[in-house]
Amino acid sequence: MIHLLTPYSLDYRCCVKNLILPDDKIQEYKKKKIGSFIYYPLFIQMKDMHFFAYLSLETERPGIPGEVLDLFKEVERTFQERIMDSNTHILDIRQNVLNVSRGGVALEVNDMEIIKALKVKPTFTLDINFKLQAPIRMAVELRHLEEVNDYFRLGGRITGVSGDKKAKEIYHSLIEFFG
């Protein structure tokens, strides 16, 4: 007898009680004396959930241990993290700064490569250049993205300022000076 353990989680997977297999697959399982199998779909969260791949396991024993499902879930989390981490673009493209404050920044972005990257991973680093000052690098979390004619208006929350400990103080003093 073939047993099926179907994984599901939240609202994007469903539990299937009866799996219809092609005749050739059934014959293959009978020939190999497969007692249990699992097909685990991997989904990657971008803006929406996207099917990525299947993990599968076939065994002659009846039943699939719960540890296998836990391991498959861990593999899915690892894929998700690595795909998100690999979505790194290094671009040296000047964009217009519309506004800066102690906690945020507004930009005019006209480069579609930047927009595509932000839709996948809504965090970025940027260098703010004040006149006659060294650039200040900061980490920003995307909070607003709006298309306006032939460019995008972007609003972000500053989550950190890199550099020495004085970089944040220098940034705040420049905001006050130019503001």
Protein backbone atom coordinates (compact mmCIF):
# COMPACT_ATOMS: atom_id res chain seq x y z
CA MET A 1 0.00 0.00 0.00
CA ILE A 2 1.21 3.50 -0.79
CA HIS A 3 0.89 6.08 2.00
CA LEU A 4 1.00 9.78 1.36
CA LEU A 5 1.95 12.45 3.84
CA THR A 6 1.00 15.76 2.31
CA PRO A 7 2.52 18.85 3.88
CA TYR A 8 0.53 22.01 4.24
CA SER A 9 0.95 25.27 6.00
CA LEU A 10 -1.13 28.42 6.38
CA ASP A 11 -3.25 29.23 3.35
CA TYR A 12 -1.02 28.53 0.37
CA ARG A 13 -0.86 24.75 0.60
CA CYS A 14 -3.69 22.33 0.74
CA CYS A 15 -3.96 18.84 2.13
CA VAL A 16 -4.60 16.25 -0.58
CA LYS A 17 -6.10 12.94 0.59
CA ASN A 18 -6.13 11.10 -2.73
CA LEU A 19 -3.22 11.61 -5.06
CA ILE A 20 -3.69 10.51 -8.63
CA LEU A 21 -0.45 9.12 -10.00
CA PRO A 22 0.27 8.24 -13.62
CA ASP A 23 0.10 4.51 -14.31
CA ASP A 24 3.80 4.33 -15.09
CA LYS A 25 4.65 5.86 -11.69
CA ILE A 26 2.39 3.36 -9.89
CA GLN A 27 4.07 0.49 -11.76
CA GLU A 28 7.51 1.91 -10.87
CA TYR A 29 6.58 2.11 -7.17
CA LYS A 30 5.21 -1.45 -7.18
CA LYS A 31 8.34 -2.73 -8.91
CA LYS A 32 10.62 -0.91 -6.40
CA LYS A 33 8.32 -2.00 -3.54
CA ILE A 34 7.87 1.59 -2.40
CA GLY A 35 5.76 1.63 0.77
CA SER A 36 5.64 5.40 1.31
CA PHE A 37 6.59 8.58 -0.44
CA ILE A 38 6.34 12.30 0.06
CA TYR A 39 6.31 15.15 -2.42
CA TYR A 40 6.86 18.47 -0.67
CA PRO A 41 6.31 21.62 -2.74
CA LEU A 42 8.70 24.49 -2.02
CA PHE A 43 7.30 28.00 -2.26
CA ILE A 44 9.35 31.20 -2.24
CA GLN A 45 7.86 34.42 -0.88
CA MET A 46 8.59 37.32 -3.17
CA LYS A 47 5.78 39.81 -3.41
CA ASP A 48 3.49 36.77 -3.72
CA MET A 49 4.10 33.08 -3.11
CA HIS A 50 5.82 31.36 -6.05
CA PHE A 51 6.25 27.64 -6.59
CA PHE A 52 9.97 26.87 -6.66
CA ALA A 53 10.54 23.09 -6.61
CA TYR A 54 9.54 19.78 -5.07
CA LEU A 55 11.41 17.79 -2.47
CA SER A 56 10.65 14.09 -2.58
CA LEU A 57 11.43 10.96 -0.62
CA GLU A 58 10.56 7.38 -1.43
CA THR A 59 10.99 4.54 1.04
CA GLU A 60 10.16 0.85 1.24
CA ARG A 61 8.90 1.34 4.81
CA PRO A 62 5.31 2.26 5.50
CA GLY A 63 4.94 5.80 6.83
CA ILE A 64 7.21 8.82 6.64
CA PRO A 65 8.76 9.97 9.94
CA GLY A 66 7.74 13.45 11.14
CA GLU A 67 11.41 14.44 11.23
CA VAL A 68 11.47 14.30 7.43
CA LEU A 69 8.73 16.91 7.23
CA ASP A 70 10.63 19.09 9.73
CA LEU A 71 13.78 18.72 7.61
CA PHE A 72 11.88 19.65 4.43
CA LYS A 73 10.48 22.74 6.17
CA GLU A 74 14.02 23.72 7.20
CA VAL A 75 15.23 23.28 3.61
CA GLU A 76 12.41 25.57 2.44
CA ARG A 77 13.37 28.24 5.02
CA THR A 78 17.03 27.98 3.97
CA PHE A 79 16.15 28.39 0.28
CA GLN A 80 14.00 31.42 1.14
CA GLU A 81 16.80 33.07 3.12
CA ARG A 82 19.46 32.40 0.50
CA ILE A 83 17.35 33.58 -2.39
CA MET A 84 16.53 36.81 -0.54
CA ASP A 85 20.16 37.28 0.49
CA SER A 86 21.38 36.70 -3.06
CA ASN A 87 19.16 39.45 -4.39
CA THR A 88 21.91 42.00 -4.03
CA HIS A 89 22.60 44.58 -6.71
CA ILE A 90 25.47 47.02 -6.56
CA LEU A 91 24.57 50.04 -8.62
CA ASP A 92 26.44 53.29 -8.91
CA ILE A 93 23.54 55.30 -10.25
CA ARG A 94 22.79 58.78 -8.96
CA GLN A 95 19.18 59.38 -8.01
CA ASN A 96 17.59 62.62 -6.86
CA VAL A 97 17.03 63.12 -3.15
CA LEU A 98 13.67 64.78 -2.59
CA ASN A 99 13.83 65.05 1.18
CA VAL A 100 15.87 63.81 4.13
CA SER A 101 15.09 63.78 7.82
CA ARG A 102 16.49 62.22 10.97
CA GLY A 103 14.47 59.06 10.41
CA GLY A 104 13.81 58.82 6.69
CA VAL A 105 14.59 59.71 3.13
CA ALA A 106 12.52 60.39 0.01
CA LEU A 107 14.05 59.69 -3.40
CA GLU A 108 13.15 60.11 -7.04
CA VAL A 109 14.15 56.86 -8.74
CA ASN A 110 14.21 56.59 -12.51
CA ASP A 111 16.14 53.34 -12.88
CA MET A 112 13.96 50.25 -13.36
CA GLU A 113 16.69 47.88 -12.14
CA ILE A 114 16.48 49.53 -8.72
CA ILE A 115 12.68 49.24 -8.70
CA LYS A 116 12.78 45.54 -9.68
CA ALA A 117 15.27 44.82 -6.90
CA LEU A 118 13.20 46.71 -4.32
CA LYS A 119 10.07 44.75 -5.22
CA VAL A 120 11.89 41.53 -4.34
CA LYS A 121 13.82 42.75 -1.31
CA PRO A 122 12.55 46.04 0.16
CA THR A 123 15.79 47.04 1.90
CA PHE A 124 18.82 48.83 0.50
CA THR A 125 21.87 50.86 1.34
CA LEU A 126 22.63 54.22 -0.14
CA ASP A 127 25.21 56.95 0.10
CA ILE A 128 23.88 60.44 0.78
CA ASN A 129 26.19 63.15 -0.50
CA PHE A 130 26.07 66.57 1.12
CA LYS A 131 28.06 69.35 -0.53
CA LEU A 132 31.71 69.40 0.55
CA GLN A 133 31.20 66.39 2.86
CA ALA A 134 32.18 62.74 2.66
CA PRO A 135 29.27 60.50 1.64
CA ILE A 136 27.24 58.99 4.47
CA ARG A 137 26.21 55.37 3.93
CA MET A 138 22.93 54.25 5.47
CA ALA A 139 20.65 51.23 5.54
CA VAL A 140 17.09 51.97 4.50
CA GLU A 141 13.83 50.00 4.64
CA LEU A 142 11.34 50.73 1.86
CA ARG A 143 8.07 52.13 3.25
CA HIS A 144 6.46 53.71 0.17
CA LEU A 145 6.78 53.26 -3.58
CA GLU A 146 4.67 55.28 -6.00
CA GLU A 147 4.91 55.63 -9.77
CA VAL A 148 4.75 59.25 -10.94
CA ASN A 149 4.90 59.78 -14.72
CA ASP A 150 8.33 58.49 -15.82
CA TYR A 151 9.88 57.93 -12.37
CA PHE A 152 9.10 56.43 -8.97
CA ARG A 153 8.82 58.29 -5.69
CA LEU A 154 10.31 56.21 -2.93
CA GLY A 155 10.06 56.73 0.82
CA GLY A 156 12.28 54.85 3.21
CA ARG A 157 12.94 54.56 6.92
CA ILE A 158 16.60 54.83 7.91
CA THR A 159 17.46 51.73 9.91
CA GLY A 160 21.15 52.44 10.41
CA VAL A 161 24.10 54.63 9.51
CA SER A 162 27.42 52.93 8.84
CA GLY A 163 30.86 54.25 9.48
CA ASP A 164 32.38 55.42 12.71
CA LYS A 165 30.24 56.28 15.73
CA LYS A 166 30.23 59.93 14.73
CA ALA A 167 28.60 59.25 11.33
CA LYS A 168 25.08 59.40 12.79
CA GLU A 169 25.90 62.60 14.69
CA ILE A 170 27.40 64.13 11.54
CA TYR A 171 24.31 63.14 9.55
CA HIS A 172 21.97 64.70 12.12
CA SER A 173 24.01 67.92 12.26
CA LEU A 174 24.00 68.18 8.45
CA ILE A 175 20.22 67.69 8.41
CA GLU A 176 19.82 70.53 10.90
CA PHE A 177 22.31 72.75 9.05
CA PHE A 178 20.76 72.30 5.60
CA GLY A 179 17.18 71.89 6.86
